[in-house]
Amino acid sequence: MSEPTDDLRERAREHIRQMPAETALGNADPAGGSTDDPKIMDEAAREEGEQRS
């Protein structure tokens, strides 16, 4: 197989740059992930931990 051209490499790099980080790393969430505010989720997790104590 021949070496990819520089243009092809650059197009691939640009394609990866446009992907969400988890997809580019190969860890895509098949369910689509969450668009919720992580701060709210962190607060809820702390409250749940306090209730279990």
C-alpha atoms as a PDB file:
ATOM      1  CA  MET A   1       0.000   0.000   0.000  1.00  0.00           C
ATOM      2  CA  SER A   2       1.348   3.435  -0.842  1.00  0.00           C
ATOM      3  CA  GLU A   3       1.938   6.194   1.686  1.00  0.00           C
ATOM      4  CA  PRO A   4      -0.961   8.628   2.188  1.00  0.00           C
ATOM      5  CA  THR A   5      -0.354  12.051   0.752  1.00  0.00           C
ATOM      6  CA  ASP A   6       0.167  15.054   2.986  1.00  0.00           C
ATOM      7  CA  ASP A   7      -3.233  16.371   1.870  1.00  0.00           C
ATOM      8  CA  LEU A   8      -4.926  13.180   3.034  1.00  0.00           C
ATOM      9  CA  ARG A   9      -3.115  13.340   6.381  1.00  0.00           C
ATOM     10  CA  GLU A  10      -4.165  16.960   6.860  1.00  0.00           C
ATOM     11  CA  ARG A  11      -7.791  16.141   5.999  1.00  0.00           C
ATOM     12  CA  ALA A  12      -7.724  13.292   8.542  1.00  0.00           C
ATOM     13  CA  ARG A  13      -6.250  15.561  11.237  1.00  0.00           C
ATOM     14  CA  GLU A  14      -8.933  18.179  10.562  1.00  0.00           C
ATOM     15  CA  HIS A  15     -11.639  15.515  10.740  1.00  0.00           C
ATOM     16  CA  ILE A  16     -10.335  14.321  14.135  1.00  0.00           C
ATOM     17  CA  ARG A  17     -10.115  17.928  15.410  1.00  0.00           C
ATOM     18  CA  GLN A  18     -13.808  18.411  14.664  1.00  0.00           C
ATOM     19  CA  MET A  19     -14.890  15.299  16.566  1.00  0.00           C
ATOM     20  CA  PRO A  20     -15.943  15.411  20.211  1.00  0.00           C
ATOM     21  CA  ALA A  21     -12.982  14.386  22.382  1.00  0.00           C
ATOM     22  CA  GLU A  22     -14.545  11.128  23.561  1.00  0.00           C
ATOM     23  CA  THR A  23     -15.183  10.068  19.958  1.00  0.00           C
ATOM     24  CA  ALA A  24     -11.688  10.969  18.820  1.00  0.00           C
ATOM     25  CA  LEU A  25     -10.277   8.854  21.648  1.00  0.00           C
ATOM     26  CA  GLY A  26     -12.489   5.909  20.758  1.00  0.00           C
ATOM     27  CA  ASN A  27     -14.656   6.141  23.895  1.00  0.00           C
ATOM     28  CA  ALA A  28     -17.876   7.348  22.336  1.00  0.00           C
ATOM     29  CA  ASP A  29     -21.000   6.974  24.452  1.00  0.00           C
ATOM     30  CA  PRO A  30     -23.473   5.055  22.291  1.00  0.00           C
ATOM     31  CA  ALA A  31     -26.365   6.593  24.222  1.00  0.00           C
ATOM     32  CA  GLY A  32     -25.226  10.064  23.179  1.00  0.00           C
ATOM     33  CA  GLY A  33     -23.900  11.266  26.510  1.00  0.00           C
ATOM     34  CA  SER A  34     -25.406  13.921  28.692  1.00  0.00           C
ATOM     35  CA  THR A  35     -25.902  17.598  28.026  1.00  0.00           C
ATOM     36  CA  ASP A  36     -26.716  18.272  31.684  1.00  0.00           C
ATOM     37  CA  ASP A  37     -24.613  20.720  33.663  1.00  0.00           C
ATOM     38  CA  PRO A  38     -21.889  18.660  35.405  1.00  0.00           C
ATOM     39  CA  LYS A  39     -21.902  21.057  38.371  1.00  0.00           C
ATOM     40  CA  ILE A  40     -25.518  20.103  39.142  1.00  0.00           C
ATOM     41  CA  MET A  41     -24.637  16.422  38.880  1.00  0.00           C
ATOM     42  CA  ASP A  42     -21.654  16.865  41.235  1.00  0.00           C
ATOM     43  CA  GLU A  43     -23.848  18.627  43.793  1.00  0.00           C
ATOM     44  CA  ALA A  44     -26.461  15.869  43.592  1.00  0.00           C
ATOM     45  CA  ALA A  45     -23.785  13.218  44.075  1.00  0.00           C
ATOM     46  CA  ARG A  46     -22.464  15.027  47.182  1.00  0.00           C
ATOM     47  CA  GLU A  47     -25.982  15.309  48.602  1.00  0.00           C
ATOM     48  CA  GLU A  48     -26.639  11.627  47.944  1.00  0.00           C
ATOM     49  CA  GLY A  49     -23.381  10.746  49.713  1.00  0.00           C
ATOM     50  CA  GLU A  50     -24.392  12.869  52.718  1.00  0.00           C
ATOM     51  CA  GLN A  51     -27.758  11.117  52.951  1.00  0.00           C
ATOM     52  CA  ARG A  52     -26.135   7.680  53.017  1.00  0.00           C
ATOM     53  CA  SER A  53     -23.840   8.590  55.925  1.00  0.00           C
END
